[in-house]
Amino acid sequence: MPGSDLQERGERSDEQVSGAKVIAQALKEQDVRYLFGVVGIPVTEIAVAAQELGLRYIGMRNEQAVDICAEELGNNVKPAVTLLGDINAVTKQLLEQLTKPLWQYPPESKWWKTLREKMKSNEALSQELASKKSLPMNYYTVFYHVQEQLPQDCFVVSEGANTMDIGRTVLQNYLPRHRLDAGTFGTMGVGLGFAIAAALVAKDRNPGQRVICVEGDSAFGFSGMEVETICRYNLPIVILVVNNNGIYQGFDADTWKEMLEFQDATVRAPPMCLLPNSHYEQVMTAFGGKGYFVQTPEELQKSLKQALADTTKPCLINILIEPQSTRKAQDFHWLTRSNM
């Protein structure tokens, strides 16, 4: 091949731009500021290219996926009306319709009256459960003491079964877009990812703002190694692990030991049980954060106060509660009711 052709091809090769750089440039032009990903091919090349352009890349340890599809509509409860479309577009269309003319549900209707009565009844029952002095604590006692100290501008992230459901009714958020949880499907493993994203925004836009990530012990197990990610970027996150030794419910240490004296755990232990009194706070201290193991309201109050005051490092408070503790009786058993 003539030398001139080789030189020409070499010059064209030097001018080529990698696909990773094209993607990074496109993201920058769309005003994307943060990238989250699990390192691998081709994520690594895109991450490096993005960082060269000034974008910020956060390397995660756990991968999650989200789907939006028509087949999921009505999967849990048969709906009266369904909306399928991009959430931004659909929300905009709904708001446009609601403002012409301005519409509101009649405040003195039977529906509102029933709703207010139910709210009042739920509040009284929650307060009764929160006031119990017995140890180990129950969910409501824990959330009552946490709510007392939460900053009004904090992000509240919650994940788990009973932990998320009860937390929604007790832990308050006072600002829009400051509550993040798994939504109606109860997806597990998203909590720490949500907390990391919220903490990055807080750290950049409002230094000193805290992210409170409330996890059930089972939920924490899905993406608990993201604690290393949190410590690697030194994010202002306080993780609360509400630990009942199981998925929904578990056993205390004595019952667990007695049970295993007769048979191996693979035969004897119920599938929903986890190892009793696990020290999840040591996952945080292993990576340089601060960890607390608490069993009483006084220990919870003290550790949470210290955690909120220390903005130099993330922390995890492992809160031991009654293994058989559960939420109040439910009127709508949507998880177990047949849709047929």
C-alpha atoms as a PDB file:
ATOM      1  CA  MET A   1       0.000   0.000   0.000  1.00  0.00           C
ATOM      2  CA  PRO A   2       1.433   3.420  -0.882  1.00  0.00           C
ATOM      3  CA  GLY A   3       2.855   5.366   2.025  1.00  0.00           C
ATOM      4  CA  SER A   4       0.584   8.339   1.357  1.00  0.00           C
ATOM      5  CA  ASP A   5      -2.519   6.160   1.857  1.00  0.00           C
ATOM      6  CA  LEU A   6      -1.188   4.828   5.170  1.00  0.00           C
ATOM      7  CA  GLN A   7      -0.501   8.351   6.376  1.00  0.00           C
ATOM      8  CA  GLU A   8      -3.986   9.511   5.345  1.00  0.00           C
ATOM      9  CA  ARG A   9      -5.670   6.626   7.173  1.00  0.00           C
ATOM     10  CA  GLY A  10      -3.582   7.305  10.273  1.00  0.00           C
ATOM     11  CA  GLU A  11      -4.623  10.945  10.303  1.00  0.00           C
ATOM     12  CA  ARG A  12      -8.294   9.975   9.963  1.00  0.00           C
ATOM     13  CA  SER A  13      -7.864   7.485  12.821  1.00  0.00           C
ATOM     14  CA  ASP A  14      -6.408  10.203  15.046  1.00  0.00           C
ATOM     15  CA  GLU A  15      -9.485  12.327  14.419  1.00  0.00           C
ATOM     16  CA  GLN A  16     -11.955   9.612  15.456  1.00  0.00           C
ATOM     17  CA  VAL A  17     -13.903  10.125  18.687  1.00  0.00           C
ATOM     18  CA  SER A  18     -14.838   7.162  20.873  1.00  0.00           C
ATOM     19  CA  GLY A  19     -18.451   6.277  21.518  1.00  0.00           C
ATOM     20  CA  ALA A  20     -17.893   6.873  25.227  1.00  0.00           C
ATOM     21  CA  LYS A  21     -16.857  10.470  24.559  1.00  0.00           C
ATOM     22  CA  VAL A  22     -19.871  11.008  22.315  1.00  0.00           C
ATOM     23  CA  ILE A  23     -22.180   9.757  25.083  1.00  0.00           C
ATOM     24  CA  ALA A  24     -20.439  11.912  27.690  1.00  0.00           C
ATOM     25  CA  GLN A  25     -20.684  14.996  25.490  1.00  0.00           C
ATOM     26  CA  ALA A  26     -24.381  14.328  24.842  1.00  0.00           C
ATOM     27  CA  LEU A  27     -25.053  14.006  28.569  1.00  0.00           C
ATOM     28  CA  LYS A  28     -23.236  17.264  29.271  1.00  0.00           C
ATOM     29  CA  GLU A  29     -25.239  19.082  26.596  1.00  0.00           C
ATOM     30  CA  GLN A  30     -28.411  17.806  28.279  1.00  0.00           C
ATOM     31  CA  ASP A  31     -27.224  19.438  31.524  1.00  0.00           C
ATOM     32  CA  VAL A  32     -26.640  16.113  33.264  1.00  0.00           C
ATOM     33  CA  ARG A  33     -24.408  16.670  36.291  1.00  0.00           C
ATOM     34  CA  TYR A  34     -24.218  13.280  38.002  1.00  0.00           C
ATOM     35  CA  LEU A  35     -23.748   9.745  36.705  1.00  0.00           C
ATOM     36  CA  PHE A  36     -24.377   6.608  38.748  1.00  0.00           C
ATOM     37  CA  GLY A  37     -23.171   3.218  37.579  1.00  0.00           C
ATOM     38  CA  VAL A  38     -21.686  -0.176  38.338  1.00  0.00           C
ATOM     39  CA  VAL A  39     -18.142  -0.282  36.999  1.00  0.00           C
ATOM     40  CA  GLY A  40     -17.692  -2.548  33.992  1.00  0.00           C
ATOM     41  CA  ILE A  41     -17.576  -2.472  30.207  1.00  0.00           C
ATOM     42  CA  PRO A  42     -18.612  -0.010  28.764  1.00  0.00           C
ATOM     43  CA  VAL A  43     -19.506   1.927  31.928  1.00  0.00           C
ATOM     44  CA  THR A  44     -15.867   2.518  32.872  1.00  0.00           C
ATOM     45  CA  GLU A  45     -15.005   4.245  29.574  1.00  0.00           C
ATOM     46  CA  ILE A  46     -18.108   6.429  29.736  1.00  0.00           C
ATOM     47  CA  ALA A  47     -17.355   7.355  33.351  1.00  0.00           C
ATOM     48  CA  VAL A  48     -13.797   8.416  32.518  1.00  0.00           C
ATOM     49  CA  ALA A  49     -14.969  10.424  29.517  1.00  0.00           C
ATOM     50  CA  ALA A  50     -17.663  12.109  31.607  1.00  0.00           C
ATOM     51  CA  GLN A  51     -15.211  13.059  34.342  1.00  0.00           C
ATOM     52  CA  GLU A  52     -12.910  14.612  31.718  1.00  0.00           C
ATOM     53  CA  LEU A  53     -15.808  16.894  30.769  1.00  0.00           C
ATOM     54  CA  GLY A  54     -16.491  17.874  34.379  1.00  0.00           C
ATOM     55  CA  LEU A  55     -19.406  15.544  35.093  1.00  0.00           C
ATOM     56  CA  ARG A  56     -19.411  13.740  38.429  1.00  0.00           C
ATOM     57  CA  TYR A  57     -19.428   9.948  38.481  1.00  0.00           C
ATOM     58  CA  ILE A  58     -20.511   7.900  41.502  1.00  0.00           C
ATOM     59  CA  GLY A  59     -19.442   4.260  41.343  1.00  0.00           C
ATOM     60  CA  MET A  60     -22.119   2.029  42.879  1.00  0.00           C
ATOM     61  CA  ARG A  61     -21.879  -1.581  44.070  1.00  0.00           C
ATOM     62  CA  ASN A  62     -25.455  -2.728  43.436  1.00  0.00           C
ATOM     63  CA  GLU A  63     -27.402  -2.611  40.164  1.00  0.00           C
ATOM     64  CA  GLN A  64     -31.146  -1.925  40.000  1.00  0.00           C
ATOM     65  CA  ALA A  65     -33.566  -1.769  37.085  1.00  0.00           C
ATOM     66  CA  VAL A  66     -36.875   0.059  36.613  1.00  0.00           C
ATOM     67  CA  ASP A  67     -39.570  -0.791  34.055  1.00  0.00           C
ATOM     68  CA  ILE A  68     -42.603   1.159  32.919  1.00  0.00           C
ATOM     69  CA  CYS A  69     -45.034  -1.021  30.992  1.00  0.00           C
ATOM     70  CA  ALA A  70     -48.766  -1.211  30.404  1.00  0.00           C
ATOM     71  CA  GLU A  71     -48.899  -4.831  31.569  1.00  0.00           C
ATOM     72  CA  GLU A  72     -48.235  -3.714  35.165  1.00  0.00           C
ATOM     73  CA  LEU A  73     -51.307  -1.467  35.300  1.00  0.00           C
ATOM     74  CA  GLY A  74     -53.814  -3.078  37.644  1.00  0.00           C
ATOM     75  CA  ASN A  75     -51.388  -5.788  38.720  1.00  0.00           C
ATOM     76  CA  ASN A  76     -52.200  -5.304  42.432  1.00  0.00           C
ATOM     77  CA  VAL A  77     -55.689  -3.802  42.539  1.00  0.00           C
ATOM     78  CA  LYS A  78     -58.174  -3.457  39.687  1.00  0.00           C
ATOM     79  CA  PRO A  79     -58.192   0.297  38.905  1.00  0.00           C
ATOM     80  CA  ALA A  80     -61.135   2.454  37.913  1.00  0.00           C
ATOM     81  CA  VAL A  81     -58.938   4.565  35.632  1.00  0.00           C
ATOM     82  CA  THR A  82     -55.388   3.998  34.355  1.00  0.00           C
ATOM     83  CA  LEU A  83     -52.900   6.492  32.958  1.00  0.00           C
ATOM     84  CA  LEU A  84     -50.113   5.289  30.696  1.00  0.00           C
ATOM     85  CA  GLY A  85     -47.413   7.686  29.597  1.00  0.00           C
ATOM     86  CA  ASP A  86     -44.378   9.697  30.550  1.00  0.00           C
ATOM     87  CA  ILE A  87     -44.904  10.933  34.101  1.00  0.00           C
ATOM     88  CA  ASN A  88     -43.827  14.496  33.280  1.00  0.00           C
ATOM     89  CA  ALA A  89     -46.189  14.750  30.333  1.00  0.00           C
ATOM     90  CA  VAL A  90     -49.135  13.111  32.121  1.00  0.00           C
ATOM     91  CA  THR A  91     -48.689  15.247  35.256  1.00  0.00           C
ATOM     92  CA  LYS A  92     -48.545  18.403  33.158  1.00  0.00           C
ATOM     93  CA  GLN A  93     -51.740  17.444  31.344  1.00  0.00           C
ATOM     94  CA  LEU A  94     -53.530  16.692  34.618  1.00  0.00           C
ATOM     95  CA  LEU A  95     -52.493  20.020  36.151  1.00  0.00           C
ATOM     96  CA  GLU A  96     -53.656  21.901  33.066  1.00  0.00           C
ATOM     97  CA  GLN A  97     -57.076  20.311  33.316  1.00  0.00           C
ATOM     98  CA  LEU A  98     -57.407  20.830  37.068  1.00  0.00           C
ATOM     99  CA  THR A  99     -56.694  24.551  36.810  1.00  0.00           C
ATOM    100  CA  LYS A 100     -59.447  25.289  34.279  1.00  0.00           C
ATOM    101  CA  PRO A 101     -61.644  25.806  36.159  1.00  0.00           C
ATOM    102  CA  LEU A 102     -60.000  25.368  39.563  1.00  0.00           C
ATOM    103  CA  TRP A 103     -61.377  22.110  41.004  1.00  0.00           C
ATOM    104  CA  GLN A 104     -61.426  20.653  44.470  1.00  0.00           C
ATOM    105  CA  TYR A 105     -63.227  17.787  46.091  1.00  0.00           C
ATOM    106  CA  PRO A 106     -66.128  19.109  48.239  1.00  0.00           C
ATOM    107  CA  PRO A 107     -64.621  19.500  51.759  1.00  0.00           C
ATOM    108  CA  GLU A 108     -67.838  18.518  53.558  1.00  0.00           C
ATOM    109  CA  SER A 109     -68.430  15.357  51.570  1.00  0.00           C
ATOM    110  CA  LYS A 110     -68.931  11.932  53.158  1.00  0.00           C
ATOM    111  CA  TRP A 111     -65.555  10.832  51.762  1.00  0.00           C
ATOM    112  CA  TRP A 112     -63.677  13.644  53.518  1.00  0.00           C
ATOM    113  CA  LYS A 113     -65.550  13.015  56.778  1.00  0.00           C
ATOM    114  CA  THR A 114     -64.681   9.315  56.719  1.00  0.00           C
ATOM    115  CA  LEU A 115     -61.066  10.091  55.876  1.00  0.00           C
ATOM    116  CA  ARG A 116     -60.674  12.574  58.764  1.00  0.00           C
ATOM    117  CA  GLU A 117     -62.174  10.103  61.220  1.00  0.00           C
ATOM    118  CA  LYS A 118     -59.795   7.384  60.034  1.00  0.00           C
ATOM    119  CA  MET A 119     -56.805   9.716  60.297  1.00  0.00           C
ATOM    120  CA  LYS A 120     -57.755  10.613  63.853  1.00  0.00           C
ATOM    121  CA  SER A 121     -58.215   6.954  64.792  1.00  0.00           C
ATOM    122  CA  ASN A 122     -54.857   5.963  63.252  1.00  0.00           C
ATOM    123  CA  GLU A 123     -53.067   8.801  65.024  1.00  0.00           C
ATOM    124  CA  ALA A 124     -54.476   7.774  68.408  1.00  0.00           C
ATOM    125  CA  LEU A 125     -53.523   4.127  67.891  1.00  0.00           C
ATOM    126  CA  SER A 126     -50.011   5.024  66.735  1.00  0.00           C
ATOM    127  CA  GLN A 127     -49.534   7.264  69.757  1.00  0.00           C
ATOM    128  CA  GLU A 128     -50.654   4.454  72.067  1.00  0.00           C
ATOM    129  CA  LEU A 129     -48.150   2.035  70.529  1.00  0.00           C
ATOM    130  CA  ALA A 130     -45.364   4.650  70.632  1.00  0.00           C
ATOM    131  CA  SER A 131     -45.907   5.270  74.345  1.00  0.00           C
ATOM    132  CA  LYS A 132     -45.201   1.658  75.363  1.00  0.00           C
ATOM    133  CA  LYS A 133     -42.220   1.396  77.733  1.00  0.00           C
ATOM    134  CA  SER A 134     -41.466  -2.307  77.279  1.00  0.00           C
ATOM    135  CA  LEU A 135     -38.113  -3.485  75.917  1.00  0.00           C
ATOM    136  CA  PRO A 136     -37.127  -4.333  73.264  1.00  0.00           C
ATOM    137  CA  MET A 137     -38.802  -1.360  71.581  1.00  0.00           C
ATOM    138  CA  ASN A 138     -41.474  -1.620  68.886  1.00  0.00           C
ATOM    139  CA  TYR A 139     -41.533   0.184  65.532  1.00  0.00           C
ATOM    140  CA  TYR A 140     -43.732   3.018  66.740  1.00  0.00           C
ATOM    141  CA  THR A 141     -41.576   3.783  69.775  1.00  0.00           C
ATOM    142  CA  VAL A 142     -38.501   3.976  67.532  1.00  0.00           C
ATOM    143  CA  PHE A 143     -40.128   6.252  64.971  1.00  0.00           C
ATOM    144  CA  TYR A 144     -41.620   8.483  67.644  1.00  0.00           C
ATOM    145  CA  HIS A 145     -38.180   9.252  69.092  1.00  0.00           C
ATOM    146  CA  VAL A 146     -36.635   9.642  65.634  1.00  0.00           C
ATOM    147  CA  GLN A 147     -39.340  12.073  64.540  1.00  0.00           C
ATOM    148  CA  GLU A 148     -38.641  14.256  67.577  1.00  0.00           C
ATOM    149  CA  GLN A 149     -35.116  15.014  66.345  1.00  0.00           C
ATOM    150  CA  LEU A 150     -35.460  15.078  62.559  1.00  0.00           C
ATOM    151  CA  PRO A 151     -34.473  18.425  60.967  1.00  0.00           C
ATOM    152  CA  GLN A 152     -37.395  19.825  59.002  1.00  0.00           C
ATOM    153  CA  ASP A 153     -35.304  20.242  55.853  1.00  0.00           C
ATOM    154  CA  CYS A 154     -33.834  16.724  55.832  1.00  0.00           C
ATOM    155  CA  PHE A 155     -34.390  14.144  53.113  1.00  0.00           C
ATOM    156  CA  VAL A 156     -36.238  11.090  54.446  1.00  0.00           C
ATOM    157  CA  VAL A 157     -35.503   7.822  52.646  1.00  0.00           C
ATOM    158  CA  SER A 158     -37.294   4.693  53.822  1.00  0.00           C
ATOM    159  CA  GLU A 159     -37.130   1.086  52.695  1.00  0.00           C
ATOM    160  CA  GLY A 160     -38.435  -2.214  53.954  1.00  0.00           C
ATOM    161  CA  ALA A 161     -41.745  -3.903  54.669  1.00  0.00           C
ATOM    162  CA  ASN A 162     -43.050  -2.865  58.092  1.00  0.00           C
ATOM    163  CA  THR A 163     -40.237  -0.309  58.381  1.00  0.00           C
ATOM    164  CA  MET A 164     -41.297   1.606  55.283  1.00  0.00           C
ATOM    165  CA  ASP A 165     -45.044   1.231  55.815  1.00  0.00           C
ATOM    166  CA  ILE A 166     -45.009   2.409  59.427  1.00  0.00           C
ATOM    167  CA  GLY A 167     -42.381   5.055  58.721  1.00  0.00           C
ATOM    168  CA  ARG A 168     -44.650   6.622  56.112  1.00  0.00           C
ATOM    169  CA  THR A 169     -47.294   7.274  58.761  1.00  0.00           C
ATOM    170  CA  VAL A 170     -45.004   8.553  61.533  1.00  0.00           C
ATOM    171  CA  LEU A 171     -41.916  10.179  59.978  1.00  0.00           C
ATOM    172  CA  GLN A 172     -42.897  13.529  58.505  1.00  0.00           C
ATOM    173  CA  ASN A 173     -41.364  15.432  55.613  1.00  0.00           C
ATOM    174  CA  TYR A 174     -42.128  19.138  55.427  1.00  0.00           C
ATOM    175  CA  LEU A 175     -40.777  20.012  51.986  1.00  0.00           C
ATOM    176  CA  PRO A 176     -41.663  18.665  48.526  1.00  0.00           C
ATOM    177  CA  ARG A 177     -39.331  16.085  46.966  1.00  0.00           C
ATOM    178  CA  HIS A 178     -37.817  15.329  50.354  1.00  0.00           C
ATOM    179  CA  ARG A 179     -39.314  11.837  50.832  1.00  0.00           C
ATOM    180  CA  LEU A 180     -37.959   8.945  48.805  1.00  0.00           C
ATOM    181  CA  ASP A 181     -39.075   5.337  49.128  1.00  0.00           C
ATOM    182  CA  ALA A 182     -39.783   2.217  47.123  1.00  0.00           C
ATOM    183  CA  GLY A 183     -43.291   3.227  46.099  1.00  0.00           C
ATOM    184  CA  THR A 184     -46.314   0.990  45.674  1.00  0.00           C
ATOM    185  CA  PHE A 185     -44.418  -2.110  44.567  1.00  0.00           C
ATOM    186  CA  GLY A 186     -42.162  -2.252  47.634  1.00  0.00           C
ATOM    187  CA  THR A 187     -39.010  -2.785  45.565  1.00  0.00           C
ATOM    188  CA  MET A 188     -36.071  -3.795  47.757  1.00  0.00           C
ATOM    189  CA  GLY A 189     -32.510  -2.541  47.392  1.00  0.00           C
ATOM    190  CA  VAL A 190     -33.205   1.029  46.271  1.00  0.00           C
ATOM    191  CA  GLY A 191     -32.918   2.813  49.620  1.00  0.00           C
ATOM    192  CA  LEU A 192     -29.177   3.402  49.816  1.00  0.00           C
ATOM    193  CA  GLY A 193     -29.043   4.395  46.148  1.00  0.00           C
ATOM    194  CA  PHE A 194     -31.765   6.979  46.755  1.00  0.00           C
ATOM    195  CA  ALA A 195     -29.899   8.238  49.815  1.00  0.00           C
ATOM    196  CA  ILE A 196     -26.628   8.594  47.901  1.00  0.00           C
ATOM    197  CA  ALA A 197     -28.297  10.612  45.136  1.00  0.00           C
ATOM    198  CA  ALA A 198     -30.070  12.869  47.647  1.00  0.00           C
ATOM    199  CA  ALA A 199     -26.859  13.368  49.633  1.00  0.00           C
ATOM    200  CA  LEU A 200     -24.939  14.489  46.543  1.00  0.00           C
ATOM    201  CA  VAL A 201     -27.577  17.128  45.839  1.00  0.00           C
ATOM    202  CA  ALA A 202     -27.571  18.217  49.495  1.00  0.00           C
ATOM    203  CA  LYS A 203     -23.782  18.396  49.644  1.00  0.00           C
ATOM    204  CA  ASP A 204     -23.589  20.605  46.541  1.00  0.00           C
ATOM    205  CA  ARG A 205     -26.607  22.861  47.005  1.00  0.00           C
ATOM    206  CA  ASN A 206     -27.178  23.045  50.728  1.00  0.00           C
ATOM    207  CA  PRO A 207     -24.148  22.016  52.839  1.00  0.00           C
ATOM    208  CA  GLY A 208     -25.259  20.862  56.266  1.00  0.00           C
ATOM    209  CA  GLN A 209     -28.532  19.362  55.041  1.00  0.00           C
ATOM    210  CA  ARG A 210     -28.871  15.752  56.218  1.00  0.00           C
ATOM    211  CA  VAL A 211     -30.207  12.608  54.594  1.00  0.00           C
ATOM    212  CA  ILE A 212     -31.928  10.154  56.945  1.00  0.00           C
ATOM    213  CA  CYS A 213     -32.086   6.661  55.434  1.00  0.00           C
ATOM    214  CA  VAL A 214     -34.393   4.348  57.420  1.00  0.00           C
ATOM    215  CA  GLU A 215     -33.868   0.680  56.550  1.00  0.00           C
ATOM    216  CA  GLY A 216     -35.327  -2.577  57.739  1.00  0.00           C
ATOM    217  CA  ASP A 217     -32.638  -5.155  58.488  1.00  0.00           C
ATOM    218  CA  SER A 218     -33.753  -7.286  55.549  1.00  0.00           C
ATOM    219  CA  ALA A 219     -33.893  -4.301  53.186  1.00  0.00           C
ATOM    220  CA  PHE A 220     -30.422  -3.222  54.295  1.00  0.00           C
ATOM    221  CA  GLY A 221     -29.094  -6.607  53.232  1.00  0.00           C
ATOM    222  CA  PHE A 222     -30.026  -5.992  49.592  1.00  0.00           C
ATOM    223  CA  SER A 223     -27.539  -3.164  49.053  1.00  0.00           C
ATOM    224  CA  GLY A 224     -25.757  -2.777  52.379  1.00  0.00           C
ATOM    225  CA  MET A 225     -22.337  -2.695  50.727  1.00  0.00           C
ATOM    226  CA  GLU A 226     -23.244   0.739  49.351  1.00  0.00           C
ATOM    227  CA  VAL A 227     -22.045   1.858  52.791  1.00  0.00           C
ATOM    228  CA  GLU A 228     -18.588   1.664  51.250  1.00  0.00           C
ATOM    229  CA  THR A 229     -19.786   4.006  48.494  1.00  0.00           C
ATOM    230  CA  ILE A 230     -21.150   6.403  51.116  1.00  0.00           C
ATOM    231  CA  CYS A 231     -17.857   6.422  53.008  1.00  0.00           C
ATOM    232  CA  ARG A 232     -15.786   6.653  49.819  1.00  0.00           C
ATOM    233  CA  TYR A 233     -17.501   9.937  48.916  1.00  0.00           C
ATOM    234  CA  ASN A 234     -17.983  10.991  52.568  1.00  0.00           C
ATOM    235  CA  LEU A 235     -21.683  11.733  52.129  1.00  0.00           C
ATOM    236  CA  PRO A 236     -23.863  13.323  54.859  1.00  0.00           C
ATOM    237  CA  ILE A 237     -26.077  10.285  55.425  1.00  0.00           C
ATOM    238  CA  VAL A 238     -27.434   8.888  58.688  1.00  0.00           C
ATOM    239  CA  ILE A 239     -28.607   5.285  58.216  1.00  0.00           C
ATOM    240  CA  LEU A 240     -31.069   3.840  60.725  1.00  0.00           C
ATOM    241  CA  VAL A 241     -31.373   0.043  60.571  1.00  0.00           C
ATOM    242  CA  VAL A 242     -34.543  -1.047  62.371  1.00  0.00           C
ATOM    243  CA  ASN A 243     -33.460  -4.552  63.318  1.00  0.00           C
ATOM    244  CA  ASN A 244     -36.078  -7.167  64.221  1.00  0.00           C
ATOM    245  CA  ASN A 245     -33.909 -10.187  63.302  1.00  0.00           C
ATOM    246  CA  GLY A 246     -36.000 -11.112  60.298  1.00  0.00           C
ATOM    247  CA  ILE A 247     -38.071 -10.429  57.221  1.00  0.00           C
ATOM    248  CA  TYR A 248     -41.342  -9.128  58.694  1.00  0.00           C
ATOM    249  CA  GLN A 249     -40.587 -10.982  61.946  1.00  0.00           C
ATOM    250  CA  GLY A 250     -37.745 -12.948  63.540  1.00  0.00           C
ATOM    251  CA  PHE A 251     -36.648 -14.627  66.779  1.00  0.00           C
ATOM    252  CA  ASP A 252     -34.664 -13.393  69.747  1.00  0.00           C
ATOM    253  CA  ALA A 253     -31.200 -14.834  70.443  1.00  0.00           C
ATOM    254  CA  ASP A 254     -32.358 -17.298  73.112  1.00  0.00           C
ATOM    255  CA  THR A 255     -35.122 -18.748  70.955  1.00  0.00           C
ATOM    256  CA  TRP A 256     -32.744 -19.030  68.011  1.00  0.00           C
ATOM    257  CA  LYS A 257     -30.139 -20.881  70.083  1.00  0.00           C
ATOM    258  CA  GLU A 258     -32.709 -23.240  71.588  1.00  0.00           C
ATOM    259  CA  MET A 259     -34.200 -23.977  68.174  1.00  0.00           C
ATOM    260  CA  LEU A 260     -30.828 -24.935  66.676  1.00  0.00           C
ATOM    261  CA  GLU A 261     -30.042 -27.373  69.501  1.00  0.00           C
ATOM    262  CA  PHE A 262     -32.405 -29.851  67.850  1.00  0.00           C
ATOM    263  CA  GLN A 263     -31.719 -29.495  64.132  1.00  0.00           C
ATOM    264  CA  ASP A 264     -29.540 -27.695  61.605  1.00  0.00           C
ATOM    265  CA  ALA A 265     -30.623 -24.165  60.624  1.00  0.00           C
ATOM    266  CA  THR A 266     -31.279 -25.273  57.030  1.00  0.00           C
ATOM    267  CA  VAL A 267     -33.958 -27.643  58.323  1.00  0.00           C
ATOM    268  CA  ARG A 268     -35.234 -25.888  61.424  1.00  0.00           C
ATOM    269  CA  ALA A 269     -34.999 -22.118  60.844  1.00  0.00           C
ATOM    270  CA  PRO A 270     -38.031 -20.479  59.197  1.00  0.00           C
ATOM    271  CA  PRO A 271     -37.048 -18.852  55.863  1.00  0.00           C
ATOM    272  CA  MET A 272     -38.001 -15.378  57.106  1.00  0.00           C
ATOM    273  CA  CYS A 273     -35.625 -15.440  60.079  1.00  0.00           C
ATOM    274  CA  LEU A 274     -32.246 -13.686  60.061  1.00  0.00           C
ATOM    275  CA  LEU A 275     -29.326 -14.091  62.453  1.00  0.00           C
ATOM    276  CA  PRO A 276     -30.340 -12.454  65.775  1.00  0.00           C
ATOM    277  CA  ASN A 277     -28.694  -9.268  67.040  1.00  0.00           C
ATOM    278  CA  SER A 278     -26.492  -8.796  63.976  1.00  0.00           C
ATOM    279  CA  HIS A 279     -24.145  -5.829  64.344  1.00  0.00           C
ATOM    280  CA  TYR A 280     -24.847  -3.977  61.115  1.00  0.00           C
ATOM    281  CA  GLU A 281     -23.204  -0.859  62.534  1.00  0.00           C
ATOM    282  CA  GLN A 282     -19.847  -2.598  62.133  1.00  0.00           C
ATOM    283  CA  VAL A 283     -20.312  -2.476  58.355  1.00  0.00           C
ATOM    284  CA  MET A 284     -20.132   1.307  58.666  1.00  0.00           C
ATOM    285  CA  THR A 285     -17.162   1.366  61.034  1.00  0.00           C
ATOM    286  CA  ALA A 286     -15.297  -1.059  58.746  1.00  0.00           C
ATOM    287  CA  PHE A 287     -15.147   1.690  56.125  1.00  0.00           C
ATOM    288  CA  GLY A 288     -14.349   4.566  58.488  1.00  0.00           C
ATOM    289  CA  GLY A 289     -17.816   5.818  59.364  1.00  0.00           C
ATOM    290  CA  LYS A 290     -19.435   5.987  62.788  1.00  0.00           C
ATOM    291  CA  GLY A 291     -21.558   3.122  64.133  1.00  0.00           C
ATOM    292  CA  TYR A 292     -23.978   2.794  67.053  1.00  0.00           C
ATOM    293  CA  PHE A 293     -25.765  -0.246  68.514  1.00  0.00           C
ATOM    294  CA  VAL A 294     -28.822   0.799  70.532  1.00  0.00           C
ATOM    295  CA  GLN A 295     -31.479  -1.079  72.473  1.00  0.00           C
ATOM    296  CA  THR A 296     -33.318   1.579  74.521  1.00  0.00           C
ATOM    297  CA  PRO A 297     -35.063   4.886  73.784  1.00  0.00           C
ATOM    298  CA  GLU A 298     -32.371   6.729  75.750  1.00  0.00           C
ATOM    299  CA  GLU A 299     -29.579   5.167  73.671  1.00  0.00           C
ATOM    300  CA  LEU A 300     -31.491   5.958  70.482  1.00  0.00           C
ATOM    301  CA  GLN A 301     -31.995   9.602  71.444  1.00  0.00           C
ATOM    302  CA  LYS A 302     -28.341  10.057  72.397  1.00  0.00           C
ATOM    303  CA  SER A 303     -26.883   8.352  69.325  1.00  0.00           C
ATOM    304  CA  LEU A 304     -29.178  10.159  66.890  1.00  0.00           C
ATOM    305  CA  LYS A 305     -28.330  13.510  68.467  1.00  0.00           C
ATOM    306  CA  GLN A 306     -24.612  12.778  68.085  1.00  0.00           C
ATOM    307  CA  ALA A 307     -25.052  11.545  64.521  1.00  0.00           C
ATOM    308  CA  LEU A 308     -26.947  14.660  63.430  1.00  0.00           C
ATOM    309  CA  ALA A 309     -24.392  16.934  65.094  1.00  0.00           C
ATOM    310  CA  ASP A 310     -21.384  15.261  63.425  1.00  0.00           C
ATOM    311  CA  THR A 311     -21.289  16.395  59.789  1.00  0.00           C
ATOM    312  CA  THR A 312     -17.736  15.140  59.191  1.00  0.00           C
ATOM    313  CA  LYS A 313     -18.615  11.514  58.444  1.00  0.00           C
ATOM    314  CA  PRO A 314     -21.600   9.257  57.692  1.00  0.00           C
ATOM    315  CA  CYS A 315     -22.980   7.013  60.405  1.00  0.00           C
ATOM    316  CA  LEU A 316     -25.226   4.011  60.962  1.00  0.00           C
ATOM    317  CA  ILE A 317     -27.446   3.421  63.989  1.00  0.00           C
ATOM    318  CA  ASN A 318     -28.422  -0.230  64.450  1.00  0.00           C
ATOM    319  CA  ILE A 319     -31.670  -0.238  66.468  1.00  0.00           C
ATOM    320  CA  LEU A 320     -32.669  -3.526  68.053  1.00  0.00           C
ATOM    321  CA  ILE A 321     -36.447  -3.960  68.362  1.00  0.00           C
ATOM    322  CA  GLU A 322     -38.856  -6.676  69.461  1.00  0.00           C
ATOM    323  CA  PRO A 323     -38.480  -9.532  66.896  1.00  0.00           C
ATOM    324  CA  GLN A 324     -42.237 -10.177  66.851  1.00  0.00           C
ATOM    325  CA  SER A 325     -43.118  -6.503  66.569  1.00  0.00           C
ATOM    326  CA  THR A 326     -45.412  -5.681  63.682  1.00  0.00           C
ATOM    327  CA  ARG A 327     -47.658  -2.916  62.405  1.00  0.00           C
ATOM    328  CA  LYS A 328     -51.230  -2.395  63.499  1.00  0.00           C
ATOM    329  CA  ALA A 329     -53.961  -4.490  61.900  1.00  0.00           C
ATOM    330  CA  GLN A 330     -54.562  -3.560  58.254  1.00  0.00           C
ATOM    331  CA  ASP A 331     -57.927  -2.981  56.606  1.00  0.00           C
ATOM    332  CA  PHE A 332     -56.659  -3.690  53.093  1.00  0.00           C
ATOM    333  CA  HIS A 333     -54.543  -6.804  52.590  1.00  0.00           C
ATOM    334  CA  TRP A 334     -53.546  -5.951  49.019  1.00  0.00           C
ATOM    335  CA  LEU A 335     -50.451  -8.130  49.119  1.00  0.00           C
ATOM    336  CA  THR A 336     -52.327 -11.325  49.912  1.00  0.00           C
ATOM    337  CA  ARG A 337     -55.701 -10.699  48.302  1.00  0.00           C
ATOM    338  CA  SER A 338     -56.367 -12.498  45.025  1.00  0.00           C
ATOM    339  CA  ASN A 339     -56.976 -10.314  41.975  1.00  0.00           C
ATOM    340  CA  MET A 340     -58.835 -13.084  40.139  1.00  0.00           C
END
